[in-house]
Amino acid sequence: MVEEADKRAVEENEKEIEKISEKMIEQEQVEERLFKLAEIERKEKAREEFKNELRILNCPYETDRRNFEHVRSFLAHMGIAESQADLVPLTTTAESQKDFQRLINFLDSDCRLRKSIRIGVIYVRRDQFDQKSILCNTKGSPKYEEFLKELGEEPQDSAKRKVDPEVLCYYTPVLEVVFHVVTLMPTKEGDDQQLEKKKYVGNDSVHIVWTENDRNYRAGTITGSFNFAHVVVHPLRNGLCRIKIEKKKRKDQRADKVSNDADKKVVDFFGPLITGMMISMDILAPLLRYTAVNARKSINYKNIQLFNSISERRSSLG
């Protein structure tokens, strides 16, 4: 009798387990059907929204839908977007096109692929020794003018041409070098300091100085808080150019004396041009560009008041 009772209890338990399993399966099936219905509803809603967009454009639905699917498929194959990415066609009204162009310009200016570096270019004649006369120069010698043609070109960006019309530029895929050329900037009569020119050149950390003066160019000739490095070019009669590197030293904040400590230097060693080199005019411009860019990078990493982008992000995050 006891064994029969145990068998009946086991059978009842198995039946209860089967019922529970059947209910769980039914529940999973119901959830799966609901999920499919929700997915269909979402796709129908997206399709209706897309049709509404096309009605605004006054375009045939089938033709535009087919073109849109081709574009989405192309982006998916290129790895730019997923095949089911939520892409919305752009409207073609004049106002929307203007807003879109404005946003693109803002994106280009905010997320630059090219790093921009600004370099000052100064011309010194034989009889010039001070800032006033140097900043008043409006043209240079034939050799200097030939050198400028090799150094850079007019800006490619029309917006930059409006903001800085008196500059030369040099472009690479990752770098944009802007040269503030003193002789190309307009000279104001009656302005001894030439503030318009000094506003640009005085704030450049690196200067390229073309000097035809017999005396050595001094780093403090153009006054300012910057002007840390000067790549000085002396053209010679034999067609070569003699190079001299001038660096500004940081003054001690407690005493008005120049510190000899290596940690107090504003600029570390940079190249490829160094003091004493004799360079031909044929290769002068590219070597000067690389030297000026390397000087600017050296200043960024050495000067305690200038930080790279990683350091700035870390400090902002706290």
C-alpha atoms as a PDB file:
ATOM      1  CA  MET A   1       0.000   0.000   0.000  1.00  0.00           C
ATOM      2  CA  VAL A   2       2.785   2.384   0.829  1.00  0.00           C
ATOM      3  CA  GLU A   3       4.523   1.737  -2.490  1.00  0.00           C
ATOM      4  CA  GLU A   4       1.308   2.412  -4.452  1.00  0.00           C
ATOM      5  CA  ALA A   5       0.841   5.692  -2.571  1.00  0.00           C
ATOM      6  CA  ASP A   6       4.397   6.737  -3.381  1.00  0.00           C
ATOM      7  CA  LYS A   7       3.892   5.925  -7.069  1.00  0.00           C
ATOM      8  CA  ARG A   8       0.691   7.977  -7.182  1.00  0.00           C
ATOM      9  CA  ALA A   9       2.504  10.930  -5.506  1.00  0.00           C
ATOM     10  CA  VAL A  10       5.340  10.745  -8.033  1.00  0.00           C
ATOM     11  CA  GLU A  11       2.878  10.629 -10.937  1.00  0.00           C
ATOM     12  CA  GLU A  12       0.993  13.640  -9.576  1.00  0.00           C
ATOM     13  CA  ASN A  13       4.244  15.588  -9.201  1.00  0.00           C
ATOM     14  CA  GLU A  14       5.243  14.765 -12.768  1.00  0.00           C
ATOM     15  CA  LYS A  15       1.851  15.943 -14.023  1.00  0.00           C
ATOM     16  CA  GLU A  16       2.215  19.194 -12.092  1.00  0.00           C
ATOM     17  CA  ILE A  17       5.705  19.706 -13.548  1.00  0.00           C
ATOM     18  CA  GLU A  18       4.371  19.076 -17.080  1.00  0.00           C
ATOM     19  CA  LYS A  19       1.576  21.606 -16.535  1.00  0.00           C
ATOM     20  CA  ILE A  20       4.047  24.210 -15.267  1.00  0.00           C
ATOM     21  CA  SER A  21       6.364  23.537 -18.228  1.00  0.00           C
ATOM     22  CA  GLU A  22       3.457  23.899 -20.680  1.00  0.00           C
ATOM     23  CA  LYS A  23       2.441  27.202 -19.074  1.00  0.00           C
ATOM     24  CA  MET A  24       6.033  28.494 -19.284  1.00  0.00           C
ATOM     25  CA  ILE A  25       6.247  27.506 -22.954  1.00  0.00           C
ATOM     26  CA  GLU A  26       2.923  29.209 -23.668  1.00  0.00           C
ATOM     27  CA  GLN A  27       4.128  32.338 -21.853  1.00  0.00           C
ATOM     28  CA  GLU A  28       7.379  32.393 -23.856  1.00  0.00           C
ATOM     29  CA  GLN A  29       5.415  32.015 -27.080  1.00  0.00           C
ATOM     30  CA  VAL A  30       3.119  34.878 -26.086  1.00  0.00           C
ATOM     31  CA  GLU A  31       6.110  37.096 -25.259  1.00  0.00           C
ATOM     32  CA  GLU A  32       7.766  36.214 -28.572  1.00  0.00           C
ATOM     33  CA  ARG A  33       4.566  37.098 -30.477  1.00  0.00           C
ATOM     34  CA  LEU A  34       4.287  40.391 -28.591  1.00  0.00           C
ATOM     35  CA  PHE A  35       7.925  41.205 -29.385  1.00  0.00           C
ATOM     36  CA  LYS A  36       7.351  40.489 -33.084  1.00  0.00           C
ATOM     37  CA  LEU A  37       4.223  42.644 -33.095  1.00  0.00           C
ATOM     38  CA  ALA A  38       6.111  45.499 -31.406  1.00  0.00           C
ATOM     39  CA  GLU A  39       8.933  45.177 -33.983  1.00  0.00           C
ATOM     40  CA  ILE A  40       6.423  45.259 -36.845  1.00  0.00           C
ATOM     41  CA  GLU A  41       4.700  48.257 -35.284  1.00  0.00           C
ATOM     42  CA  ARG A  42       8.044  50.069 -34.918  1.00  0.00           C
ATOM     43  CA  LYS A  43       8.941  49.431 -38.549  1.00  0.00           C
ATOM     44  CA  GLU A  44       5.510  50.582 -39.717  1.00  0.00           C
ATOM     45  CA  LYS A  45       5.865  53.744 -37.658  1.00  0.00           C
ATOM     46  CA  ALA A  46       9.319  54.403 -39.106  1.00  0.00           C
ATOM     47  CA  ARG A  47       7.977  53.795 -42.617  1.00  0.00           C
ATOM     48  CA  GLU A  48       5.133  56.251 -42.041  1.00  0.00           C
ATOM     49  CA  GLU A  49       7.547  58.873 -40.721  1.00  0.00           C
ATOM     50  CA  PHE A  50       9.721  58.376 -43.787  1.00  0.00           C
ATOM     51  CA  LYS A  51       6.705  58.791 -46.062  1.00  0.00           C
ATOM     52  CA  ASN A  52       5.840  62.030 -44.273  1.00  0.00           C
ATOM     53  CA  GLU A  53       9.374  63.284 -44.893  1.00  0.00           C
ATOM     54  CA  LEU A  54       9.006  62.475 -48.577  1.00  0.00           C
ATOM     55  CA  ARG A  55       5.665  64.251 -48.754  1.00  0.00           C
ATOM     56  CA  ILE A  56       7.400  67.388 -47.458  1.00  0.00           C
ATOM     57  CA  LEU A  57       9.948  67.000 -50.244  1.00  0.00           C
ATOM     58  CA  ASN A  58       7.168  66.485 -52.831  1.00  0.00           C
ATOM     59  CA  CYS A  59       9.087  63.479 -54.212  1.00  0.00           C
ATOM     60  CA  PRO A  60       7.735  60.119 -55.440  1.00  0.00           C
ATOM     61  CA  TYR A  61       7.909  57.654 -52.561  1.00  0.00           C
ATOM     62  CA  GLU A  62       9.108  54.528 -54.347  1.00  0.00           C
ATOM     63  CA  THR A  63      11.939  56.228 -56.263  1.00  0.00           C
ATOM     64  CA  ASP A  64      13.261  58.097 -53.240  1.00  0.00           C
ATOM     65  CA  ARG A  65      12.877  55.072 -50.979  1.00  0.00           C
ATOM     66  CA  ARG A  66      14.864  52.942 -53.401  1.00  0.00           C
ATOM     67  CA  ASN A  67      17.661  55.535 -53.584  1.00  0.00           C
ATOM     68  CA  PHE A  68      17.688  55.840 -49.821  1.00  0.00           C
ATOM     69  CA  GLU A  69      18.029  52.056 -49.414  1.00  0.00           C
ATOM     70  CA  HIS A  70      20.936  52.042 -51.883  1.00  0.00           C
ATOM     71  CA  VAL A  71      22.733  54.714 -49.861  1.00  0.00           C
ATOM     72  CA  ARG A  72      22.105  52.897 -46.576  1.00  0.00           C
ATOM     73  CA  SER A  73      23.371  49.642 -48.059  1.00  0.00           C
ATOM     74  CA  PHE A  74      26.500  51.394 -49.338  1.00  0.00           C
ATOM     75  CA  LEU A  75      27.182  52.914 -45.901  1.00  0.00           C
ATOM     76  CA  ALA A  76      26.696  49.504 -44.286  1.00  0.00           C
ATOM     77  CA  HIS A  77      29.180  47.858 -46.672  1.00  0.00           C
ATOM     78  CA  MET A  78      31.707  50.627 -45.971  1.00  0.00           C
ATOM     79  CA  GLY A  79      31.332  50.047 -42.231  1.00  0.00           C
ATOM     80  CA  ILE A  80      30.121  53.613 -41.664  1.00  0.00           C
ATOM     81  CA  ALA A  81      26.586  52.700 -40.558  1.00  0.00           C
ATOM     82  CA  GLU A  82      24.638  49.568 -39.704  1.00  0.00           C
ATOM     83  CA  SER A  83      22.139  48.210 -42.210  1.00  0.00           C
ATOM     84  CA  GLN A  84      19.251  49.074 -39.877  1.00  0.00           C
ATOM     85  CA  ALA A  85      20.638  52.472 -38.916  1.00  0.00           C
ATOM     86  CA  ASP A  86      18.095  55.225 -38.424  1.00  0.00           C
ATOM     87  CA  LEU A  87      19.059  57.489 -41.331  1.00  0.00           C
ATOM     88  CA  VAL A  88      16.832  60.443 -42.144  1.00  0.00           C
ATOM     89  CA  PRO A  89      16.891  62.119 -45.596  1.00  0.00           C
ATOM     90  CA  LEU A  90      17.809  65.792 -45.654  1.00  0.00           C
ATOM     91  CA  THR A  91      15.197  68.301 -46.742  1.00  0.00           C
ATOM     92  CA  THR A  92      16.013  70.497 -49.729  1.00  0.00           C
ATOM     93  CA  THR A  93      14.470  73.801 -48.718  1.00  0.00           C
ATOM     94  CA  ALA A  94      16.688  76.866 -48.881  1.00  0.00           C
ATOM     95  CA  GLU A  95      16.447  77.466 -45.137  1.00  0.00           C
ATOM     96  CA  SER A  96      17.335  73.875 -44.213  1.00  0.00           C
ATOM     97  CA  GLN A  97      20.260  73.857 -46.637  1.00  0.00           C
ATOM     98  CA  LYS A  98      21.578  77.061 -45.061  1.00  0.00           C
ATOM     99  CA  ASP A  99      21.273  75.602 -41.543  1.00  0.00           C
ATOM    100  CA  PHE A 100      22.937  72.365 -42.648  1.00  0.00           C
ATOM    101  CA  GLN A 101      25.868  74.250 -44.197  1.00  0.00           C
ATOM    102  CA  ARG A 102      26.238  76.311 -41.010  1.00  0.00           C
ATOM    103  CA  LEU A 103      26.371  73.150 -38.886  1.00  0.00           C
ATOM    104  CA  ILE A 104      28.932  71.568 -41.229  1.00  0.00           C
ATOM    105  CA  ASN A 105      31.129  74.680 -41.001  1.00  0.00           C
ATOM    106  CA  PHE A 106      30.861  74.616 -37.213  1.00  0.00           C
ATOM    107  CA  LEU A 107      31.771  70.907 -37.167  1.00  0.00           C
ATOM    108  CA  ASP A 108      34.789  71.533 -39.402  1.00  0.00           C
ATOM    109  CA  SER A 109      36.019  74.358 -37.194  1.00  0.00           C
ATOM    110  CA  ASP A 110      35.420  72.447 -33.950  1.00  0.00           C
ATOM    111  CA  CYS A 111      36.794  69.059 -35.059  1.00  0.00           C
ATOM    112  CA  ARG A 112      39.785  69.924 -37.162  1.00  0.00           C
ATOM    113  CA  LEU A 113      41.667  67.121 -38.803  1.00  0.00           C
ATOM    114  CA  ARG A 114      44.639  69.445 -39.245  1.00  0.00           C
ATOM    115  CA  LYS A 115      46.549  70.887 -36.345  1.00  0.00           C
ATOM    116  CA  SER A 116      47.074  74.624 -36.884  1.00  0.00           C
ATOM    117  CA  ILE A 117      50.402  76.306 -36.070  1.00  0.00           C
ATOM    118  CA  ARG A 118      51.131  80.028 -36.482  1.00  0.00           C
ATOM    119  CA  ILE A 119      54.590  81.350 -37.291  1.00  0.00           C
ATOM    120  CA  GLY A 120      55.749  84.964 -37.628  1.00  0.00           C
ATOM    121  CA  VAL A 121      57.919  86.007 -40.590  1.00  0.00           C
ATOM    122  CA  ILE A 122      60.046  89.161 -40.198  1.00  0.00           C
ATOM    123  CA  TYR A 123      62.227  90.991 -42.736  1.00  0.00           C
ATOM    124  CA  VAL A 124      65.179  93.139 -41.591  1.00  0.00           C
ATOM    125  CA  ARG A 125      67.071  95.491 -43.967  1.00  0.00           C
ATOM    126  CA  ARG A 126      70.738  96.465 -43.657  1.00  0.00           C
ATOM    127  CA  ASP A 127      70.006  99.766 -41.888  1.00  0.00           C
ATOM    128  CA  GLN A 128      67.344  98.521 -39.444  1.00  0.00           C
ATOM    129  CA  PHE A 129      67.990  97.817 -35.781  1.00  0.00           C
ATOM    130  CA  ASP A 130      64.731  98.545 -33.898  1.00  0.00           C
ATOM    131  CA  GLN A 131      61.146  97.327 -33.790  1.00  0.00           C
ATOM    132  CA  LYS A 132      59.647 100.500 -35.286  1.00  0.00           C
ATOM    133  CA  SER A 133      61.587 100.411 -38.539  1.00  0.00           C
ATOM    134  CA  ILE A 134      61.301  96.624 -38.928  1.00  0.00           C
ATOM    135  CA  LEU A 135      57.517  96.562 -38.544  1.00  0.00           C
ATOM    136  CA  CYS A 136      57.156  99.370 -41.102  1.00  0.00           C
ATOM    137  CA  ASN A 137      58.600  97.212 -43.906  1.00  0.00           C
ATOM    138  CA  THR A 138      56.206  96.688 -46.814  1.00  0.00           C
ATOM    139  CA  LYS A 139      58.504  94.713 -49.138  1.00  0.00           C
ATOM    140  CA  GLY A 140      61.874  93.008 -49.169  1.00  0.00           C
ATOM    141  CA  SER A 141      64.747  92.187 -51.462  1.00  0.00           C
ATOM    142  CA  PRO A 142      64.290  89.959 -54.552  1.00  0.00           C
ATOM    143  CA  LYS A 143      65.834  86.994 -52.697  1.00  0.00           C
ATOM    144  CA  TYR A 144      63.397  87.468 -49.824  1.00  0.00           C
ATOM    145  CA  GLU A 145      60.397  87.691 -52.150  1.00  0.00           C
ATOM    146  CA  GLU A 146      61.551  84.502 -53.899  1.00  0.00           C
ATOM    147  CA  PHE A 147      61.888  82.831 -50.515  1.00  0.00           C
ATOM    148  CA  LEU A 148      58.284  83.744 -49.595  1.00  0.00           C
ATOM    149  CA  LYS A 149      56.980  82.049 -52.754  1.00  0.00           C
ATOM    150  CA  GLU A 150      58.637  78.818 -51.655  1.00  0.00           C
ATOM    151  CA  LEU A 151      57.600  79.161 -48.008  1.00  0.00           C
ATOM    152  CA  GLY A 152      53.819  79.092 -48.457  1.00  0.00           C
ATOM    153  CA  GLU A 153      50.786  79.890 -50.558  1.00  0.00           C
ATOM    154  CA  GLU A 154      47.595  81.897 -50.256  1.00  0.00           C
ATOM    155  CA  PRO A 155      44.953  80.413 -47.914  1.00  0.00           C
ATOM    156  CA  GLN A 156      42.696  77.763 -49.467  1.00  0.00           C
ATOM    157  CA  ASP A 157      39.856  78.548 -47.067  1.00  0.00           C
ATOM    158  CA  SER A 158      37.813  81.556 -48.188  1.00  0.00           C
ATOM    159  CA  ALA A 159      36.767  82.263 -44.578  1.00  0.00           C
ATOM    160  CA  LYS A 160      40.407  82.345 -43.458  1.00  0.00           C
ATOM    161  CA  ARG A 161      41.215  84.634 -46.401  1.00  0.00           C
ATOM    162  CA  LYS A 162      38.660  87.125 -45.082  1.00  0.00           C
ATOM    163  CA  VAL A 163      39.901  86.937 -41.477  1.00  0.00           C
ATOM    164  CA  ASP A 164      43.657  86.838 -42.230  1.00  0.00           C
ATOM    165  CA  PRO A 165      44.117  88.160 -45.788  1.00  0.00           C
ATOM    166  CA  GLU A 166      47.843  88.925 -45.299  1.00  0.00           C
ATOM    167  CA  VAL A 167      49.106  85.425 -44.533  1.00  0.00           C
ATOM    168  CA  LEU A 168      50.761  82.523 -46.283  1.00  0.00           C
ATOM    169  CA  CYS A 169      49.797  78.929 -45.574  1.00  0.00           C
ATOM    170  CA  TYR A 170      51.350  75.501 -45.928  1.00  0.00           C
ATOM    171  CA  TYR A 171      49.174  72.383 -45.780  1.00  0.00           C
ATOM    172  CA  THR A 172      49.753  68.710 -45.113  1.00  0.00           C
ATOM    173  CA  PRO A 173      47.107  66.035 -44.390  1.00  0.00           C
ATOM    174  CA  VAL A 174      47.582  66.563 -40.622  1.00  0.00           C
ATOM    175  CA  LEU A 175      49.089  70.058 -40.338  1.00  0.00           C
ATOM    176  CA  GLU A 176      48.237  73.623 -41.297  1.00  0.00           C
ATOM    177  CA  VAL A 177      51.034  76.186 -40.900  1.00  0.00           C
ATOM    178  CA  VAL A 178      49.963  79.844 -41.048  1.00  0.00           C
ATOM    179  CA  PHE A 179      52.715  82.415 -41.611  1.00  0.00           C
ATOM    180  CA  HIS A 180      52.067  85.979 -40.407  1.00  0.00           C
ATOM    181  CA  VAL A 181      54.287  87.884 -42.839  1.00  0.00           C
ATOM    182  CA  VAL A 182      55.083  91.438 -41.706  1.00  0.00           C
ATOM    183  CA  THR A 183      55.778  92.736 -45.221  1.00  0.00           C
ATOM    184  CA  LEU A 184      52.366  91.542 -46.472  1.00  0.00           C
ATOM    185  CA  MET A 185      50.391  93.278 -43.724  1.00  0.00           C
ATOM    186  CA  PRO A 186      49.127  96.855 -44.235  1.00  0.00           C
ATOM    187  CA  THR A 187      51.260  99.567 -42.633  1.00  0.00           C
ATOM    188  CA  LYS A 188      49.461 102.311 -40.686  1.00  0.00           C
ATOM    189  CA  GLU A 189      50.961 105.760 -41.033  1.00  0.00           C
ATOM    190  CA  GLY A 190      51.470 107.550 -37.726  1.00  0.00           C
ATOM    191  CA  ASP A 191      51.441 104.323 -35.692  1.00  0.00           C
ATOM    192  CA  ASP A 192      54.971 103.934 -34.317  1.00  0.00           C
ATOM    193  CA  GLN A 193      54.317 100.506 -32.828  1.00  0.00           C
ATOM    194  CA  GLN A 194      52.274  99.165 -35.772  1.00  0.00           C
ATOM    195  CA  LEU A 195      49.791  97.529 -33.426  1.00  0.00           C
ATOM    196  CA  GLU A 196      47.874  95.773 -36.208  1.00  0.00           C
ATOM    197  CA  LYS A 197      51.015  93.923 -37.284  1.00  0.00           C
ATOM    198  CA  LYS A 198      52.226  93.352 -33.743  1.00  0.00           C
ATOM    199  CA  LYS A 199      48.831  91.921 -32.768  1.00  0.00           C
ATOM    200  CA  TYR A 200      49.673  88.891 -34.893  1.00  0.00           C
ATOM    201  CA  VAL A 201      53.460  88.704 -34.958  1.00  0.00           C
ATOM    202  CA  GLY A 202      53.874  89.703 -31.303  1.00  0.00           C
ATOM    203  CA  ASN A 203      51.717  86.758 -30.183  1.00  0.00           C
ATOM    204  CA  ASP A 204      53.539  84.159 -32.282  1.00  0.00           C
ATOM    205  CA  SER A 205      55.791  81.877 -30.270  1.00  0.00           C
ATOM    206  CA  VAL A 206      58.177  81.250 -33.176  1.00  0.00           C
ATOM    207  CA  HIS A 207      59.635  83.767 -35.629  1.00  0.00           C
ATOM    208  CA  ILE A 208      61.438  83.216 -38.906  1.00  0.00           C
ATOM    209  CA  VAL A 209      63.716  86.238 -39.350  1.00  0.00           C
ATOM    210  CA  TRP A 210      65.236  87.086 -42.744  1.00  0.00           C
ATOM    211  CA  THR A 211      67.919  89.656 -41.938  1.00  0.00           C
ATOM    212  CA  GLU A 212      70.274  91.406 -44.349  1.00  0.00           C
ATOM    213  CA  ASN A 213      71.826  93.380 -41.508  1.00  0.00           C
ATOM    214  CA  ASP A 214      75.509  92.865 -40.655  1.00  0.00           C
ATOM    215  CA  ARG A 215      74.706  92.806 -36.959  1.00  0.00           C
ATOM    216  CA  ASN A 216      73.222  89.776 -35.243  1.00  0.00           C
ATOM    217  CA  TYR A 217      69.489  89.823 -34.683  1.00  0.00           C
ATOM    218  CA  ARG A 218      68.522  90.026 -30.999  1.00  0.00           C
ATOM    219  CA  ALA A 219      65.683  87.879 -29.665  1.00  0.00           C
ATOM    220  CA  GLY A 220      64.083  90.845 -27.874  1.00  0.00           C
ATOM    221  CA  THR A 221      63.912  93.146 -30.906  1.00  0.00           C
ATOM    222  CA  ILE A 222      60.166  92.561 -31.303  1.00  0.00           C
ATOM    223  CA  THR A 223      58.868  93.042 -27.764  1.00  0.00           C
ATOM    224  CA  GLY A 224      56.193  90.767 -26.343  1.00  0.00           C
ATOM    225  CA  SER A 225      55.400  88.058 -23.838  1.00  0.00           C
ATOM    226  CA  PHE A 226      55.893  85.314 -26.420  1.00  0.00           C
ATOM    227  CA  ASN A 227      58.464  85.169 -29.278  1.00  0.00           C
ATOM    228  CA  PHE A 228      60.282  82.313 -27.550  1.00  0.00           C
ATOM    229  CA  ALA A 229      62.245  80.970 -30.544  1.00  0.00           C
ATOM    230  CA  HIS A 230      63.800  82.731 -33.556  1.00  0.00           C
ATOM    231  CA  VAL A 231      65.177  80.992 -36.633  1.00  0.00           C
ATOM    232  CA  VAL A 232      67.402  83.691 -38.136  1.00  0.00           C
ATOM    233  CA  VAL A 233      68.449  83.527 -41.796  1.00  0.00           C
ATOM    234  CA  HIS A 234      71.453  85.556 -43.068  1.00  0.00           C
ATOM    235  CA  PRO A 235      71.640  85.459 -46.911  1.00  0.00           C
ATOM    236  CA  LEU A 236      75.250  85.453 -48.147  1.00  0.00           C
ATOM    237  CA  ARG A 237      76.778  86.663 -51.413  1.00  0.00           C
ATOM    238  CA  ASN A 238      77.734  83.148 -52.486  1.00  0.00           C
ATOM    239  CA  GLY A 239      74.062  82.094 -52.654  1.00  0.00           C
ATOM    240  CA  LEU A 240      74.038  80.241 -49.347  1.00  0.00           C
ATOM    241  CA  CYS A 241      72.200  81.238 -46.165  1.00  0.00           C
ATOM    242  CA  ARG A 242      73.700  81.130 -42.689  1.00  0.00           C
ATOM    243  CA  ILE A 243      71.399  79.896 -39.913  1.00  0.00           C
ATOM    244  CA  LYS A 244      71.346  81.049 -36.307  1.00  0.00           C
ATOM    245  CA  ILE A 245      68.917  79.929 -33.601  1.00  0.00           C
ATOM    246  CA  GLU A 246      67.966  82.473 -30.939  1.00  0.00           C
ATOM    247  CA  LYS A 247      65.992  81.379 -27.853  1.00  0.00           C
ATOM    248  CA  LYS A 248      64.373  83.509 -25.208  1.00  0.00           C
ATOM    249  CA  LYS A 249      65.276  82.636 -21.615  1.00  0.00           C
ATOM    250  CA  ARG A 250      62.759  82.795 -18.793  1.00  0.00           C
ATOM    251  CA  LYS A 251      63.449  85.335 -16.063  1.00  0.00           C
ATOM    252  CA  ASP A 252      63.265  84.310 -12.431  1.00  0.00           C
ATOM    253  CA  GLN A 253      60.038  85.580 -10.892  1.00  0.00           C
ATOM    254  CA  ARG A 254      61.720  86.522  -7.592  1.00  0.00           C
ATOM    255  CA  ALA A 255      64.752  88.275  -8.998  1.00  0.00           C
ATOM    256  CA  ASP A 256      65.041  90.076 -12.316  1.00  0.00           C
ATOM    257  CA  LYS A 257      67.828  87.780 -13.438  1.00  0.00           C
ATOM    258  CA  VAL A 258      68.004  85.135 -16.093  1.00  0.00           C
ATOM    259  CA  SER A 259      68.119  81.633 -14.638  1.00  0.00           C
ATOM    260  CA  ASN A 260      70.732  79.196 -15.921  1.00  0.00           C
ATOM    261  CA  ASP A 261      68.845  76.186 -14.641  1.00  0.00           C
ATOM    262  CA  ALA A 262      67.917  73.769 -17.450  1.00  0.00           C
ATOM    263  CA  ASP A 263      64.380  73.462 -16.096  1.00  0.00           C
ATOM    264  CA  LYS A 264      63.893  77.209 -16.568  1.00  0.00           C
ATOM    265  CA  LYS A 265      64.513  77.101 -20.323  1.00  0.00           C
ATOM    266  CA  VAL A 266      61.498  77.981 -22.424  1.00  0.00           C
ATOM    267  CA  VAL A 267      62.640  76.024 -25.487  1.00  0.00           C
ATOM    268  CA  ASP A 268      64.536  72.733 -25.661  1.00  0.00           C
ATOM    269  CA  PHE A 269      66.694  71.614 -28.560  1.00  0.00           C
ATOM    270  CA  PHE A 270      64.940  71.444 -31.926  1.00  0.00           C
ATOM    271  CA  GLY A 271      65.968  70.962 -35.540  1.00  0.00           C
ATOM    272  CA  PRO A 272      66.732  70.037 -38.252  1.00  0.00           C
ATOM    273  CA  LEU A 273      68.366  73.460 -38.714  1.00  0.00           C
ATOM    274  CA  ILE A 274      70.848  74.496 -36.024  1.00  0.00           C
ATOM    275  CA  THR A 275      73.185  77.442 -35.506  1.00  0.00           C
ATOM    276  CA  GLY A 276      76.101  77.630 -37.930  1.00  0.00           C
ATOM    277  CA  MET A 277      74.576  75.693 -40.802  1.00  0.00           C
ATOM    278  CA  MET A 278      75.007  76.941 -44.395  1.00  0.00           C
ATOM    279  CA  ILE A 279      71.923  76.135 -46.470  1.00  0.00           C
ATOM    280  CA  SER A 280      71.257  76.521 -50.179  1.00  0.00           C
ATOM    281  CA  MET A 281      68.209  78.526 -51.269  1.00  0.00           C
ATOM    282  CA  ASP A 282      66.861  75.452 -53.078  1.00  0.00           C
ATOM    283  CA  ILE A 283      66.165  73.584 -49.834  1.00  0.00           C
ATOM    284  CA  LEU A 284      65.861  76.522 -47.421  1.00  0.00           C
ATOM    285  CA  ALA A 285      62.048  76.888 -47.323  1.00  0.00           C
ATOM    286  CA  PRO A 286      61.116  73.264 -46.455  1.00  0.00           C
ATOM    287  CA  LEU A 287      63.869  73.018 -43.839  1.00  0.00           C
ATOM    288  CA  LEU A 288      62.733  76.292 -42.252  1.00  0.00           C
ATOM    289  CA  ARG A 289      59.137  75.065 -42.121  1.00  0.00           C
ATOM    290  CA  TYR A 290      60.095  71.849 -40.348  1.00  0.00           C
ATOM    291  CA  THR A 291      62.404  73.696 -37.967  1.00  0.00           C
ATOM    292  CA  ALA A 292      59.752  76.291 -37.052  1.00  0.00           C
ATOM    293  CA  VAL A 293      57.115  73.585 -36.495  1.00  0.00           C
ATOM    294  CA  ASN A 294      59.485  71.586 -34.280  1.00  0.00           C
ATOM    295  CA  ALA A 295      60.302  74.743 -32.318  1.00  0.00           C
ATOM    296  CA  ARG A 296      56.583  75.312 -31.723  1.00  0.00           C
ATOM    297  CA  LYS A 297      56.165  71.723 -30.517  1.00  0.00           C
ATOM    298  CA  SER A 298      59.168  72.083 -28.204  1.00  0.00           C
ATOM    299  CA  ILE A 299      57.622  75.195 -26.668  1.00  0.00           C
ATOM    300  CA  ASN A 300      54.301  73.431 -26.114  1.00  0.00           C
ATOM    301  CA  TYR A 301      55.924  70.601 -24.166  1.00  0.00           C
ATOM    302  CA  LYS A 302      58.430  72.712 -22.253  1.00  0.00           C
ATOM    303  CA  ASN A 303      56.580  75.835 -21.232  1.00  0.00           C
ATOM    304  CA  ILE A 304      54.651  75.250 -17.991  1.00  0.00           C
ATOM    305  CA  GLN A 305      51.935  77.662 -19.151  1.00  0.00           C
ATOM    306  CA  LEU A 306      51.146  75.643 -22.298  1.00  0.00           C
ATOM    307  CA  PHE A 307      49.624  72.166 -22.215  1.00  0.00           C
ATOM    308  CA  ASN A 308      48.728  69.577 -24.820  1.00  0.00           C
ATOM    309  CA  SER A 309      45.130  68.490 -25.361  1.00  0.00           C
ATOM    310  CA  ILE A 310      45.445  65.370 -23.173  1.00  0.00           C
ATOM    311  CA  SER A 311      46.645  67.410 -20.189  1.00  0.00           C
ATOM    312  CA  GLU A 312      43.843  69.931 -20.677  1.00  0.00           C
ATOM    313  CA  ARG A 313      41.216  67.179 -20.739  1.00  0.00           C
ATOM    314  CA  ARG A 314      42.636  65.555 -17.610  1.00  0.00           C
ATOM    315  CA  SER A 315      42.644  68.868 -15.731  1.00  0.00           C
ATOM    316  CA  SER A 316      39.059  69.644 -16.804  1.00  0.00           C
ATOM    317  CA  LEU A 317      37.907  66.210 -15.619  1.00  0.00           C
ATOM    318  CA  GLY A 318      39.537  66.847 -12.236  1.00  0.00           C
END
